[in-house]
Amino acid sequence: MPNTKAVGVAFSDPALDGAVIGAAGGTVGFFGTTPVSEGAALTTQLTTITSTAPSPADYAIQDLTQTTPFGFVTKNEGNTVLSVIANLQTRVAELESRFQAYGLLP
């Protein structure tokens, strides 16, 4: 079925379910954004942090200590920060994977 709509005109066609939009080197825009080419590959992910789970979690992080060595006021503060970083690493990796599956990232 030929596309008879002007460029930039939104339309719905159930016959296009599962269709591939665009070609290699082409541009595409989502949700009214200006179409752009596919971006470069993301920076390589570092090894995921592993840490001891805080018990209990302490999200009220105080200023770091100023004695040698510098550090957190309590062990649970440090472990909480590490658990938050590890959670962010996991979530970003999940987003990257989903965006790649959608064809939105190389």
C-alpha atoms as a PDB file:
ATOM      1  CA  MET A   1       0.000   0.000   0.000  1.00  0.00           C
ATOM      2  CA  PRO A   2       1.609   3.289  -1.018  1.00  0.00           C
ATOM      3  CA  ASN A   3       1.889   6.094   1.485  1.00  0.00           C
ATOM      4  CA  THR A   4      -0.310   8.911   0.252  1.00  0.00           C
ATOM      5  CA  LYS A   5       0.149  11.088   3.344  1.00  0.00           C
ATOM      6  CA  ALA A   6       2.454  14.087   3.341  1.00  0.00           C
ATOM      7  CA  VAL A   7       5.689  13.825   5.322  1.00  0.00           C
ATOM      8  CA  GLY A   8       5.037  14.597   8.978  1.00  0.00           C
ATOM      9  CA  VAL A   9       1.325  13.766   8.880  1.00  0.00           C
ATOM     10  CA  ALA A  10       0.285  11.356  11.632  1.00  0.00           C
ATOM     11  CA  PHE A  11      -2.027   8.522  10.692  1.00  0.00           C
ATOM     12  CA  SER A  12      -3.064   5.115  11.939  1.00  0.00           C
ATOM     13  CA  ASP A  13      -3.235   2.012   9.795  1.00  0.00           C
ATOM     14  CA  PRO A  14      -3.658  -1.439  11.393  1.00  0.00           C
ATOM     15  CA  ALA A  15      -2.111  -2.962   8.256  1.00  0.00           C
ATOM     16  CA  LEU A  16       1.222  -1.394   9.289  1.00  0.00           C
ATOM     17  CA  ASP A  17       1.483  -3.322  12.580  1.00  0.00           C
ATOM     18  CA  GLY A  18       4.991  -4.762  12.739  1.00  0.00           C
ATOM     19  CA  ALA A  19       6.185  -2.652   9.819  1.00  0.00           C
ATOM     20  CA  VAL A  20       9.781  -1.406   9.675  1.00  0.00           C
ATOM     21  CA  ILE A  21       9.930   2.354   9.338  1.00  0.00           C
ATOM     22  CA  GLY A  22      12.808   3.905   7.458  1.00  0.00           C
ATOM     23  CA  ALA A  23      15.930   2.411   5.965  1.00  0.00           C
ATOM     24  CA  ALA A  24      19.586   2.179   6.915  1.00  0.00           C
ATOM     25  CA  GLY A  25      20.958   5.702   6.992  1.00  0.00           C
ATOM     26  CA  GLY A  26      17.475   7.221   7.062  1.00  0.00           C
ATOM     27  CA  THR A  27      16.012   9.486   9.703  1.00  0.00           C
ATOM     28  CA  VAL A  28      13.071   9.080  12.060  1.00  0.00           C
ATOM     29  CA  GLY A  29      11.421  11.181  14.779  1.00  0.00           C
ATOM     30  CA  PHE A  30       9.065  10.126  17.543  1.00  0.00           C
ATOM     31  CA  PHE A  31       6.287  12.035  19.291  1.00  0.00           C
ATOM     32  CA  GLY A  32       6.586  15.133  17.107  1.00  0.00           C
ATOM     33  CA  THR A  33      10.373  15.492  17.298  1.00  0.00           C
ATOM     34  CA  THR A  34      12.490  16.444  14.303  1.00  0.00           C
ATOM     35  CA  PRO A  35      13.694  13.300  12.501  1.00  0.00           C
ATOM     36  CA  VAL A  36      17.357  12.494  13.092  1.00  0.00           C
ATOM     37  CA  SER A  37      19.808   9.804  12.032  1.00  0.00           C
ATOM     38  CA  GLU A  38      20.623   6.883  14.327  1.00  0.00           C
ATOM     39  CA  GLY A  39      23.170   7.892  16.956  1.00  0.00           C
ATOM     40  CA  ALA A  40      26.537   6.255  17.574  1.00  0.00           C
ATOM     41  CA  ALA A  41      26.894   3.283  19.907  1.00  0.00           C
ATOM     42  CA  LEU A  42      26.804   4.000  23.632  1.00  0.00           C
ATOM     43  CA  THR A  43      29.914   4.064  25.811  1.00  0.00           C
ATOM     44  CA  THR A  44      30.853   0.559  26.924  1.00  0.00           C
ATOM     45  CA  GLN A  45      29.274  -0.364  30.239  1.00  0.00           C
ATOM     46  CA  LEU A  46      31.634  -0.874  33.163  1.00  0.00           C
ATOM     47  CA  THR A  47      31.495  -3.876  35.457  1.00  0.00           C
ATOM     48  CA  THR A  48      28.449  -3.759  37.718  1.00  0.00           C
ATOM     49  CA  ILE A  49      29.171  -2.767  41.305  1.00  0.00           C
ATOM     50  CA  THR A  50      28.567  -5.401  43.937  1.00  0.00           C
ATOM     51  CA  SER A  51      28.126  -4.424  47.555  1.00  0.00           C
ATOM     52  CA  THR A  52      26.822  -5.516  50.906  1.00  0.00           C
ATOM     53  CA  ALA A  53      23.160  -4.658  51.348  1.00  0.00           C
ATOM     54  CA  PRO A  54      22.679  -1.936  53.951  1.00  0.00           C
ATOM     55  CA  SER A  55      20.839  -2.981  57.078  1.00  0.00           C
ATOM     56  CA  PRO A  56      18.881  -0.807  57.442  1.00  0.00           C
ATOM     57  CA  ALA A  57      19.178   1.405  54.357  1.00  0.00           C
ATOM     58  CA  ASP A  58      20.287   4.922  55.300  1.00  0.00           C
ATOM     59  CA  TYR A  59      19.245   7.429  52.615  1.00  0.00           C
ATOM     60  CA  ALA A  60      20.029  10.482  54.783  1.00  0.00           C
ATOM     61  CA  ILE A  61      23.655  10.736  53.663  1.00  0.00           C
ATOM     62  CA  GLN A  62      25.704  13.078  55.840  1.00  0.00           C
ATOM     63  CA  ASP A  63      28.751  15.047  54.732  1.00  0.00           C
ATOM     64  CA  LEU A  64      31.782  12.803  54.221  1.00  0.00           C
ATOM     65  CA  THR A  65      34.208  12.546  57.092  1.00  0.00           C
ATOM     66  CA  GLN A  66      37.357  14.643  56.832  1.00  0.00           C
ATOM     67  CA  THR A  67      39.695  12.302  58.611  1.00  0.00           C
ATOM     68  CA  THR A  68      42.160  10.060  56.842  1.00  0.00           C
ATOM     69  CA  PRO A  69      40.822   8.117  55.065  1.00  0.00           C
ATOM     70  CA  PHE A  70      37.832  10.120  53.913  1.00  0.00           C
ATOM     71  CA  GLY A  71      34.570   8.202  54.051  1.00  0.00           C
ATOM     72  CA  PHE A  72      30.967   7.953  55.123  1.00  0.00           C
ATOM     73  CA  VAL A  73      29.877   8.649  58.672  1.00  0.00           C
ATOM     74  CA  THR A  74      28.348   5.169  58.969  1.00  0.00           C
ATOM     75  CA  LYS A  75      28.876   1.891  57.150  1.00  0.00           C
ATOM     76  CA  ASN A  76      25.171   1.789  56.212  1.00  0.00           C
ATOM     77  CA  GLU A  77      25.458   5.173  54.479  1.00  0.00           C
ATOM     78  CA  GLY A  78      28.277   3.848  52.302  1.00  0.00           C
ATOM     79  CA  ASN A  79      26.444   0.601  51.566  1.00  0.00           C
ATOM     80  CA  THR A  80      23.261   2.544  50.731  1.00  0.00           C
ATOM     81  CA  VAL A  81      25.116   4.729  48.209  1.00  0.00           C
ATOM     82  CA  LEU A  82      26.653   1.633  46.609  1.00  0.00           C
ATOM     83  CA  SER A  83      23.257  -0.097  46.426  1.00  0.00           C
ATOM     84  CA  VAL A  84      21.720   2.978  44.740  1.00  0.00           C
ATOM     85  CA  ILE A  85      24.566   3.085  42.193  1.00  0.00           C
ATOM     86  CA  ALA A  86      24.180  -0.644  41.496  1.00  0.00           C
ATOM     87  CA  ASN A  87      20.410  -0.155  41.045  1.00  0.00           C
ATOM     88  CA  LEU A  88      21.019   2.700  38.590  1.00  0.00           C
ATOM     89  CA  GLN A  89      23.482   0.554  36.623  1.00  0.00           C
ATOM     90  CA  THR A  90      20.873  -2.200  36.351  1.00  0.00           C
ATOM     91  CA  ARG A  91      18.101   0.164  35.308  1.00  0.00           C
ATOM     92  CA  VAL A  92      20.212   1.948  32.673  1.00  0.00           C
ATOM     93  CA  ALA A  93      21.281  -1.429  31.233  1.00  0.00           C
ATOM     94  CA  GLU A  94      17.614  -2.474  31.057  1.00  0.00           C
ATOM     95  CA  LEU A  95      16.685   0.756  29.268  1.00  0.00           C
ATOM     96  CA  GLU A  96      19.577   0.332  26.835  1.00  0.00           C
ATOM     97  CA  SER A  97      18.465  -3.213  26.057  1.00  0.00           C
ATOM     98  CA  ARG A  98      14.858  -2.173  25.466  1.00  0.00           C
ATOM     99  CA  PHE A  99      15.816   0.789  23.302  1.00  0.00           C
ATOM    100  CA  GLN A 100      18.044  -1.496  21.223  1.00  0.00           C
ATOM    101  CA  ALA A 101      15.169  -3.956  20.844  1.00  0.00           C
ATOM    102  CA  TYR A 102      12.967  -1.072  19.618  1.00  0.00           C
ATOM    103  CA  GLY A 103      15.672  -0.045  17.171  1.00  0.00           C
ATOM    104  CA  LEU A 104      16.157   3.307  18.913  1.00  0.00           C
ATOM    105  CA  LEU A 105      19.815   2.585  19.821  1.00  0.00           C
ATOM    106  CA  PRO A 106      22.468   0.823  17.767  1.00  0.00           C
END
